[in-house]
């Protein structure tokens, strides 16, 4: 595991690099936010960060593919810890 950096000219190149068998988190650094948002929807990762490395505990965190299932943090993570019960009268 680690962080790898590539400089690419075309979004297709970035997708080829980003969409590996793992998909925990991806990062993109760019001046073109519109392109980055479009790219983020096509990256198979549980979290995509654009121009930041900041951790946001209110946002769900978890992987796709071989990086696991389920989510931590945010509403999704909280709901995973609940055990709903119905009482009918």
PDB file of N, CA and C in Angstrom:
ATOM      1  N   UNK A   1       0.842  -1.183   0.000  1.00  0.00           N
ATOM      2  CA  UNK A   1       0.000   0.000   0.000  1.00  0.00           C
ATOM      3  C   UNK A   1       0.877   1.232   0.000  1.00  0.00           C
ATOM      4  N   UNK A   2       0.336   2.299  -0.492  1.00  0.00           N
ATOM      5  CA  UNK A   2       1.089   3.531  -0.539  1.00  0.00           C
ATOM      6  C   UNK A   2       0.414   4.522  -1.455  1.00  0.00           C
ATOM      7  N   UNK A   3       1.065   5.619  -1.639  1.00  0.00           N
ATOM      8  CA  UNK A   3       0.536   6.662  -2.504  1.00  0.00           C
ATOM      9  C   UNK A   3       1.444   6.759  -3.714  1.00  0.00           C
ATOM     10  N   UNK A   4       0.851   6.720  -4.879  1.00  0.00           N
ATOM     11  CA  UNK A   4       1.594   6.833  -6.124  1.00  0.00           C
ATOM     12  C   UNK A   4       1.068   8.036  -6.882  1.00  0.00           C
ATOM     13  N   UNK A   5       1.941   8.741  -7.563  1.00  0.00           N
ATOM     14  CA  UNK A   5       1.536   9.917  -8.312  1.00  0.00           C
ATOM     15  C   UNK A   5       1.892   9.747  -9.784  1.00  0.00           C
ATOM     16  N   UNK A   6       0.968  10.106 -10.632  1.00  0.00           N
ATOM     17  CA  UNK A   6       1.191  10.124 -12.064  1.00  0.00           C
ATOM     18  C   UNK A   6       0.707  11.454 -12.608  1.00  0.00           C
ATOM     19  N   UNK A   7       1.388  11.960 -13.597  1.00  0.00           N
ATOM     20  CA  UNK A   7       0.926  13.134 -14.323  1.00  0.00           C
ATOM     21  C   UNK A   7       0.355  12.628 -15.642  1.00  0.00           C
ATOM     22  N   UNK A   8      -0.899  12.936 -15.897  1.00  0.00           N
ATOM     23  CA  UNK A   8      -1.537  12.483 -17.127  1.00  0.00           C
ATOM     24  C   UNK A   8      -2.133  13.677 -17.860  1.00  0.00           C
ATOM     25  N   UNK A   9      -2.296  13.510 -19.146  1.00  0.00           N
ATOM     26  CA  UNK A   9      -2.867  14.581 -19.955  1.00  0.00           C
ATOM     27  C   UNK A   9      -4.336  14.346 -20.263  1.00  0.00           C
ATOM     28  N   UNK A  10      -4.766  13.089 -20.275  1.00  0.00           N
ATOM     29  CA  UNK A  10      -6.145  12.768 -20.650  1.00  0.00           C
ATOM     30  C   UNK A  10      -6.845  12.018 -19.524  1.00  0.00           C
ATOM     31  N   UNK A  11      -8.138  12.302 -19.323  1.00  0.00           N
ATOM     32  CA  UNK A  11      -8.891  11.591 -18.274  1.00  0.00           C
ATOM     33  C   UNK A  11      -8.853  10.077 -18.443  1.00  0.00           C
ATOM     34  N   UNK A  12      -8.852   9.588 -19.678  1.00  0.00           N
ATOM     35  CA  UNK A  12      -8.810   8.138 -19.901  1.00  0.00           C
ATOM     36  C   UNK A  12      -7.554   7.521 -19.297  1.00  0.00           C
ATOM     37  N   UNK A  13      -6.451   8.228 -19.347  1.00  0.00           N
ATOM     38  CA  UNK A  13      -5.208   7.736 -18.738  1.00  0.00           C
ATOM     39  C   UNK A  13      -5.366   7.633 -17.224  1.00  0.00           C
ATOM     40  N   UNK A  14      -5.983   8.629 -16.623  1.00  0.00           N
ATOM     41  CA  UNK A  14      -6.190   8.629 -15.173  1.00  0.00           C
ATOM     42  C   UNK A  14      -7.094   7.470 -14.759  1.00  0.00           C
ATOM     43  N   UNK A  15      -8.134   7.200 -15.541  1.00  0.00           N
ATOM     44  CA  UNK A  15      -9.035   6.086 -15.216  1.00  0.00           C
ATOM     45  C   UNK A  15      -8.320   4.751 -15.301  1.00  0.00           C
ATOM     46  N   UNK A  16      -7.480   4.587 -16.285  1.00  0.00           N
ATOM     47  CA  UNK A  16      -6.718   3.345 -16.414  1.00  0.00           C
ATOM     48  C   UNK A  16      -5.841   3.125 -15.192  1.00  0.00           C
ATOM     49  N   UNK A  17      -5.228   4.175 -14.712  1.00  0.00           N
ATOM     50  CA  UNK A  17      -4.362   4.076 -13.534  1.00  0.00           C
ATOM     51  C   UNK A  17      -5.180   3.865 -12.263  1.00  0.00           C
ATOM     52  N   UNK A  18      -6.277   4.600 -12.129  1.00  0.00           N
ATOM     53  CA  UNK A  18      -7.055   4.588 -10.882  1.00  0.00           C
ATOM     54  C   UNK A  18      -7.892   3.329 -10.701  1.00  0.00           C
ATOM     55  N   UNK A  19      -8.437   2.789 -11.760  1.00  0.00           N
ATOM     56  CA  UNK A  19      -9.362   1.659 -11.632  1.00  0.00           C
ATOM     57  C   UNK A  19      -8.632   0.324 -11.636  1.00  0.00           C
ATOM     58  N   UNK A  20      -8.002   0.043 -10.510  1.00  0.00           N
ATOM     59  CA  UNK A  20      -7.293  -1.208 -10.283  1.00  0.00           C
ATOM     60  C   UNK A  20      -8.258  -2.188  -9.614  1.00  0.00           C
ATOM     61  N   UNK A  21      -7.816  -3.398  -9.277  1.00  0.00           N
ATOM     62  CA  UNK A  21      -8.690  -4.324  -8.550  1.00  0.00           C
ATOM     63  C   UNK A  21      -9.041  -3.838  -7.132  1.00  0.00           C
ATOM     64  N   UNK A  22      -8.398  -2.781  -6.690  1.00  0.00           N
ATOM     65  CA  UNK A  22      -8.667  -2.229  -5.370  1.00  0.00           C
ATOM     66  C   UNK A  22      -9.372  -0.895  -5.531  1.00  0.00           C
ATOM     67  N   UNK A  23     -10.068  -0.455  -4.515  1.00  0.00           N
ATOM     68  CA  UNK A  23     -10.785   0.803  -4.654  1.00  0.00           C
ATOM     69  C   UNK A  23     -11.127   1.428  -3.332  1.00  0.00           C
ATOM     70  N   UNK A  24     -10.127   1.678  -2.511  1.00  0.00           N
ATOM     71  CA  UNK A  24     -10.401   2.284  -1.217  1.00  0.00           C
ATOM     72  C   UNK A  24     -10.542   3.798  -1.354  1.00  0.00           C
ATOM     73  N   UNK A  25      -9.526   4.449  -1.870  1.00  0.00           N
ATOM     74  CA  UNK A  25      -9.547   5.903  -1.949  1.00  0.00           C
ATOM     75  C   UNK A  25      -8.687   6.349  -3.122  1.00  0.00           C
ATOM     76  N   UNK A  26      -9.126   7.406  -3.788  1.00  0.00           N
ATOM     77  CA  UNK A  26      -8.368   7.960  -4.913  1.00  0.00           C
ATOM     78  C   UNK A  26      -8.252   9.464  -4.727  1.00  0.00           C
ATOM     79  N   UNK A  27      -7.216  10.012  -5.311  1.00  0.00           N
ATOM     80  CA  UNK A  27      -6.958  11.446  -5.223  1.00  0.00           C
ATOM     81  C   UNK A  27      -6.754  11.994  -6.624  1.00  0.00           C
ATOM     82  N   UNK A  28      -7.186  13.201  -6.829  1.00  0.00           N
ATOM     83  CA  UNK A  28      -6.860  13.892  -8.073  1.00  0.00           C
ATOM     84  C   UNK A  28      -6.525  15.342  -7.758  1.00  0.00           C
ATOM     85  N   UNK A  29      -5.456  15.807  -8.364  1.00  0.00           N
ATOM     86  CA  UNK A  29      -5.030  17.198  -8.204  1.00  0.00           C
ATOM     87  C   UNK A  29      -5.129  17.854  -9.571  1.00  0.00           C
ATOM     88  N   UNK A  30      -5.876  18.943  -9.670  1.00  0.00           N
ATOM     89  CA  UNK A  30      -6.125  19.556 -10.962  1.00  0.00           C
ATOM     90  C   UNK A  30      -6.563  21.000 -10.802  1.00  0.00           C
ATOM     91  N   UNK A  31      -6.482  21.739 -11.877  1.00  0.00           N
ATOM     92  CA  UNK A  31      -7.036  23.093 -11.936  1.00  0.00           C
ATOM     93  C   UNK A  31      -8.435  23.074 -12.542  1.00  0.00           C
ATOM     94  N   UNK A  32      -8.809  21.963 -13.164  1.00  0.00           N
ATOM     95  CA  UNK A  32     -10.091  21.856 -13.847  1.00  0.00           C
ATOM     96  C   UNK A  32     -11.074  21.051 -12.985  1.00  0.00           C
ATOM     97  N   UNK A  33     -11.818  21.744 -12.128  1.00  0.00           N
ATOM     98  CA  UNK A  33     -12.726  21.053 -11.204  1.00  0.00           C
ATOM     99  C   UNK A  33     -13.875  20.354 -11.920  1.00  0.00           C
ATOM    100  N   UNK A  34     -14.344  20.934 -12.992  1.00  0.00           N
ATOM    101  CA  UNK A  34     -15.427  20.287 -13.738  1.00  0.00           C
ATOM    102  C   UNK A  34     -14.978  18.927 -14.265  1.00  0.00           C
ATOM    103  N   UNK A  35     -13.792  18.868 -14.817  1.00  0.00           N
ATOM    104  CA  UNK A  35     -13.257  17.604 -15.316  1.00  0.00           C
ATOM    105  C   UNK A  35     -13.023  16.631 -14.157  1.00  0.00           C
ATOM    106  N   UNK A  36     -12.545  17.136 -13.031  1.00  0.00           N
ATOM    107  CA  UNK A  36     -12.284  16.272 -11.872  1.00  0.00           C
ATOM    108  C   UNK A  36     -13.570  15.654 -11.340  1.00  0.00           C
ATOM    109  N   UNK A  37     -14.642  16.418 -11.278  1.00  0.00           N
ATOM    110  CA  UNK A  37     -15.930  15.868 -10.817  1.00  0.00           C
ATOM    111  C   UNK A  37     -16.431  14.798 -11.775  1.00  0.00           C
ATOM    112  N   UNK A  38     -16.314  15.043 -13.065  1.00  0.00           N
ATOM    113  CA  UNK A  38     -16.724  14.047 -14.054  1.00  0.00           C
ATOM    114  C   UNK A  38     -15.882  12.782 -13.917  1.00  0.00           C
ATOM    115  N   UNK A  39     -14.593  12.942 -13.688  1.00  0.00           N
ATOM    116  CA  UNK A  39     -13.695  11.804 -13.516  1.00  0.00           C
ATOM    117  C   UNK A  39     -14.030  11.034 -12.239  1.00  0.00           C
ATOM    118  N   UNK A  40     -14.336  11.746 -11.170  1.00  0.00           N
ATOM    119  CA  UNK A  40     -14.637  11.107  -9.881  1.00  0.00           C
ATOM    120  C   UNK A  40     -15.815  10.150  -9.985  1.00  0.00           C
ATOM    121  N   UNK A  41     -16.793  10.465 -10.813  1.00  0.00           N
ATOM    122  CA  UNK A  41     -17.956   9.566 -10.959  1.00  0.00           C
ATOM    123  C   UNK A  41     -17.582   8.275 -11.666  1.00  0.00           C
ATOM    124  N   UNK A  42     -16.451   8.261 -12.364  1.00  0.00           N
ATOM    125  CA  UNK A  42     -16.027   7.084 -13.117  1.00  0.00           C
ATOM    126  C   UNK A  42     -14.919   6.293 -12.431  1.00  0.00           C
ATOM    127  N   UNK A  43     -14.401   6.809 -11.338  1.00  0.00           N
ATOM    128  CA  UNK A  43     -13.369   6.089 -10.583  1.00  0.00           C
ATOM    129  C   UNK A  43     -14.057   5.135  -9.608  1.00  0.00           C
ATOM    130  N   UNK A  44     -13.683   3.870  -9.653  1.00  0.00           N
ATOM    131  CA  UNK A  44     -14.272   2.851  -8.777  1.00  0.00           C
ATOM    132  C   UNK A  44     -13.552   2.838  -7.443  1.00  0.00           C
ATOM    133  N   UNK A  45     -13.883   3.800  -6.595  1.00  0.00           N
ATOM    134  CA  UNK A  45     -13.289   3.883  -5.258  1.00  0.00           C
ATOM    135  C   UNK A  45     -14.357   4.368  -4.289  1.00  0.00           C
ATOM    136  N   UNK A  46     -14.215   3.966  -3.053  1.00  0.00           N
ATOM    137  CA  UNK A  46     -15.178   4.362  -2.037  1.00  0.00           C
ATOM    138  C   UNK A  46     -15.136   5.836  -1.714  1.00  0.00           C
ATOM    139  N   UNK A  47     -14.025   6.470  -1.965  1.00  0.00           N
ATOM    140  CA  UNK A  47     -13.881   7.903  -1.705  1.00  0.00           C
ATOM    141  C   UNK A  47     -12.906   8.473  -2.725  1.00  0.00           C
ATOM    142  N   UNK A  48     -13.262   9.611  -3.293  1.00  0.00           N
ATOM    143  CA  UNK A  48     -12.384  10.319  -4.228  1.00  0.00           C
ATOM    144  C   UNK A  48     -12.183  11.729  -3.691  1.00  0.00           C
ATOM    145  N   UNK A  49     -10.945  12.096  -3.491  1.00  0.00           N
ATOM    146  CA  UNK A  49     -10.621  13.436  -2.994  1.00  0.00           C
ATOM    147  C   UNK A  49     -10.078  14.267  -4.146  1.00  0.00           C
ATOM    148  N   UNK A  50     -10.600  15.478  -4.277  1.00  0.00           N
ATOM    149  CA  UNK A  50     -10.167  16.393  -5.332  1.00  0.00           C
ATOM    150  C   UNK A  50      -9.437  17.559  -4.684  1.00  0.00           C
ATOM    151  N   UNK A  51      -8.188  17.717  -5.036  1.00  0.00           N
ATOM    152  CA  UNK A  51      -7.343  18.822  -4.557  1.00  0.00           C
ATOM    153  C   UNK A  51      -7.265  18.910  -3.033  1.00  0.00           C
ATOM    154  N   UNK A  52      -7.330  17.792  -2.377  1.00  0.00           N
ATOM    155  CA  UNK A  52      -7.195  17.773  -0.922  1.00  0.00           C
ATOM    156  C   UNK A  52      -6.702  16.400  -0.469  1.00  0.00           C
ATOM    157  N   UNK A  53      -6.092  16.371   0.682  1.00  0.00           N
ATOM    158  CA  UNK A  53      -5.738  15.116   1.340  1.00  0.00           C
ATOM    159  C   UNK A  53      -6.430  15.036   2.693  1.00  0.00           C
ATOM    160  N   UNK A  54      -7.348  15.956   2.927  1.00  0.00           N
ATOM    161  CA  UNK A  54      -8.016  16.048   4.227  1.00  0.00           C
ATOM    162  C   UNK A  54      -8.955  14.876   4.463  1.00  0.00           C
ATOM    163  N   UNK A  55      -9.005  14.424   5.691  1.00  0.00           N
ATOM    164  CA  UNK A  55      -9.941  13.384   6.109  1.00  0.00           C
ATOM    165  C   UNK A  55     -11.206  14.066   6.619  1.00  0.00           C
ATOM    166  N   UNK A  56     -12.353  13.587   6.195  1.00  0.00           N
ATOM    167  CA  UNK A  56     -13.631  14.153   6.629  1.00  0.00           C
ATOM    168  C   UNK A  56     -14.439  13.058   7.325  1.00  0.00           C
ATOM    169  N   UNK A  57     -14.476  13.055   8.667  1.00  0.00           N
ATOM    170  CA  UNK A  57     -15.155  11.976   9.388  1.00  0.00           C
ATOM    171  C   UNK A  57     -16.667  11.941   9.197  1.00  0.00           C
ATOM    172  N   UNK A  58     -17.259  13.008   8.694  1.00  0.00           N
ATOM    173  CA  UNK A  58     -18.707  12.992   8.457  1.00  0.00           C
ATOM    174  C   UNK A  58     -19.066  12.350   7.123  1.00  0.00           C
ATOM    175  N   UNK A  59     -18.074  12.092   6.286  1.00  0.00           N
ATOM    176  CA  UNK A  59     -18.310  11.465   4.982  1.00  0.00           C
ATOM    177  C   UNK A  59     -18.050   9.966   5.095  1.00  0.00           C
ATOM    178  N   UNK A  60     -18.881   9.143   4.472  1.00  0.00           N
ATOM    179  CA  UNK A  60     -18.662   7.696   4.528  1.00  0.00           C
ATOM    180  C   UNK A  60     -17.294   7.311   3.982  1.00  0.00           C
ATOM    181  N   UNK A  61     -16.702   6.281   4.566  1.00  0.00           N
ATOM    182  CA  UNK A  61     -15.394   5.798   4.141  1.00  0.00           C
ATOM    183  C   UNK A  61     -15.434   4.287   4.067  1.00  0.00           C
ATOM    184  N   UNK A  62     -15.037   3.740   2.948  1.00  0.00           N
ATOM    185  CA  UNK A  62     -14.971   2.294   2.776  1.00  0.00           C
ATOM    186  C   UNK A  62     -14.605   1.986   1.347  1.00  0.00           C
ATOM    187  N   UNK A  63     -14.207   0.753   1.099  1.00  0.00           N
ATOM    188  CA  UNK A  63     -13.678   0.410  -0.210  1.00  0.00           C
ATOM    189  C   UNK A  63     -14.651  -0.273  -1.133  1.00  0.00           C
ATOM    190  N   UNK A  64     -14.238  -0.357  -2.385  1.00  0.00           N
ATOM    191  CA  UNK A  64     -14.924  -1.117  -3.418  1.00  0.00           C
ATOM    192  C   UNK A  64     -14.022  -2.294  -3.769  1.00  0.00           C
ATOM    193  N   UNK A  65     -14.558  -3.266  -4.438  1.00  0.00           N
ATOM    194  CA  UNK A  65     -13.821  -4.412  -4.979  1.00  0.00           C
ATOM    195  C   UNK A  65     -12.995  -5.102  -3.885  1.00  0.00           C
ATOM    196  N   UNK A  66     -11.709  -5.306  -4.091  1.00  0.00           N
ATOM    197  CA  UNK A  66     -10.872  -6.030  -3.123  1.00  0.00           C
ATOM    198  C   UNK A  66     -10.486  -5.193  -1.906  1.00  0.00           C
ATOM    199  N   UNK A  67     -10.964  -3.986  -1.830  1.00  0.00           N
ATOM    200  CA  UNK A  67     -10.656  -3.138  -0.677  1.00  0.00           C
ATOM    201  C   UNK A  67     -11.723  -3.222   0.399  1.00  0.00           C
ATOM    202  N   UNK A  68     -12.626  -4.181   0.286  1.00  0.00           N
ATOM    203  CA  UNK A  68     -13.584  -4.394   1.348  1.00  0.00           C
ATOM    204  C   UNK A  68     -14.981  -3.939   1.020  1.00  0.00           C
ATOM    205  N   UNK A  69     -15.858  -4.205   1.974  1.00  0.00           N
ATOM    206  CA  UNK A  69     -17.256  -3.820   1.827  1.00  0.00           C
ATOM    207  C   UNK A  69     -17.678  -3.060   3.070  1.00  0.00           C
ATOM    208  N   UNK A  70     -18.778  -2.374   2.980  1.00  0.00           N
ATOM    209  CA  UNK A  70     -19.276  -1.632   4.129  1.00  0.00           C
ATOM    210  C   UNK A  70     -18.668  -0.246   4.206  1.00  0.00           C
ATOM    211  N   UNK A  71     -19.177   0.532   5.137  1.00  0.00           N
ATOM    212  CA  UNK A  71     -18.731   1.906   5.296  1.00  0.00           C
ATOM    213  C   UNK A  71     -18.548   2.238   6.765  1.00  0.00           C
ATOM    214  N   UNK A  72     -17.611   3.121   7.020  1.00  0.00           N
ATOM    215  CA  UNK A  72     -17.412   3.715   8.334  1.00  0.00           C
ATOM    216  C   UNK A  72     -17.748   5.193   8.202  1.00  0.00           C
ATOM    217  N   UNK A  73     -17.977   5.824   9.300  1.00  0.00           N
ATOM    218  CA  UNK A  73     -18.221   7.267   9.356  1.00  0.00           C
ATOM    219  C   UNK A  73     -19.540   7.640   8.673  1.00  0.00           C
ATOM    220  N   UNK A  74     -19.947   8.853   8.881  1.00  0.00           N
ATOM    221  CA  UNK A  74     -21.156   9.366   8.264  1.00  0.00           C
ATOM    222  C   UNK A  74     -22.383   8.552   8.648  1.00  0.00           C
ATOM    223  N   UNK A  75     -23.475   8.831   7.998  1.00  0.00           N
ATOM    224  CA  UNK A  75     -24.742   8.144   8.269  1.00  0.00           C
ATOM    225  C   UNK A  75     -24.645   6.657   7.980  1.00  0.00           C
ATOM    226  N   UNK A  76     -23.969   6.291   6.878  1.00  0.00           N
ATOM    227  CA  UNK A  76     -23.869   4.883   6.513  1.00  0.00           C
ATOM    228  C   UNK A  76     -23.135   4.077   7.590  1.00  0.00           C
ATOM    229  N   UNK A  77     -22.079   4.618   8.110  1.00  0.00           N
ATOM    230  CA  UNK A  77     -21.324   3.935   9.154  1.00  0.00           C
ATOM    231  C   UNK A  77     -22.102   3.830  10.447  1.00  0.00           C
ATOM    232  N   UNK A  78     -22.818   4.886  10.785  1.00  0.00           N
ATOM    233  CA  UNK A  78     -23.629   4.884  12.008  1.00  0.00           C
ATOM    234  C   UNK A  78     -24.741   3.855  11.907  1.00  0.00           C
ATOM    235  N   UNK A  79     -25.416   3.798  10.770  1.00  0.00           N
ATOM    236  CA  UNK A  79     -26.533   2.864  10.607  1.00  0.00           C
ATOM    237  C   UNK A  79     -26.072   1.413  10.674  1.00  0.00           C
ATOM    238  N   UNK A  80     -24.841   1.144  10.309  1.00  0.00           N
ATOM    239  CA  UNK A  80     -24.329  -0.230  10.369  1.00  0.00           C
ATOM    240  C   UNK A  80     -24.228  -0.713  11.812  1.00  0.00           C
ATOM    241  N   UNK A  81     -24.161   0.194  12.766  1.00  0.00           N
ATOM    242  CA  UNK A  81     -24.040  -0.178  14.163  1.00  0.00           C
ATOM    243  C   UNK A  81     -25.392  -0.320  14.871  1.00  0.00           C
ATOM    244  N   UNK A  82     -26.460   0.059  14.187  1.00  0.00           N
ATOM    245  CA  UNK A  82     -27.795   0.000  14.777  1.00  0.00           C
ATOM    246  C   UNK A  82     -28.416  -1.372  14.618  1.00  0.00           C
ATOM    247  N   UNK A  83     -29.290  -1.707  15.527  1.00  0.00           N
ATOM    248  CA  UNK A  83     -30.048  -2.940  15.446  1.00  0.00           C
ATOM    249  C   UNK A  83     -31.531  -2.569  15.569  1.00  0.00           C
ATOM    250  N   UNK A  84     -32.168  -2.301  14.413  1.00  0.00           N
ATOM    251  CA  UNK A  84     -33.560  -1.843  14.463  1.00  0.00           C
ATOM    252  C   UNK A  84     -34.486  -2.908  15.054  1.00  0.00           C
ATOM    253  N   UNK A  85     -35.523  -2.428  15.708  1.00  0.00           N
ATOM    254  CA  UNK A  85     -36.520  -3.334  16.279  1.00  0.00           C
ATOM    255  C   UNK A  85     -37.881  -2.723  16.035  1.00  0.00           C
ATOM    256  N   UNK A  86     -38.821  -3.553  15.669  1.00  0.00           N
ATOM    257  CA  UNK A  86     -40.201  -3.117  15.491  1.00  0.00           C
ATOM    258  C   UNK A  86     -41.046  -3.675  16.624  1.00  0.00           C
ATOM    259  N   UNK A  87     -41.893  -2.838  17.213  1.00  0.00           N
ATOM    260  CA  UNK A  87     -42.843  -3.271  18.231  1.00  0.00           C
ATOM    261  C   UNK A  87     -44.228  -2.885  17.723  1.00  0.00           C
ATOM    262  N   UNK A  88     -45.064  -3.857  17.485  1.00  0.00           N
ATOM    263  CA  UNK A  88     -46.398  -3.615  16.935  1.00  0.00           C
ATOM    264  C   UNK A  88     -47.442  -3.931  18.002  1.00  0.00           C
ATOM    265  N   UNK A  89     -48.443  -3.069  18.091  1.00  0.00           N
ATOM    266  CA  UNK A  89     -49.521  -3.297  19.062  1.00  0.00           C
ATOM    267  C   UNK A  89     -50.834  -3.391  18.304  1.00  0.00           C
TER     268      UNK A  89
END
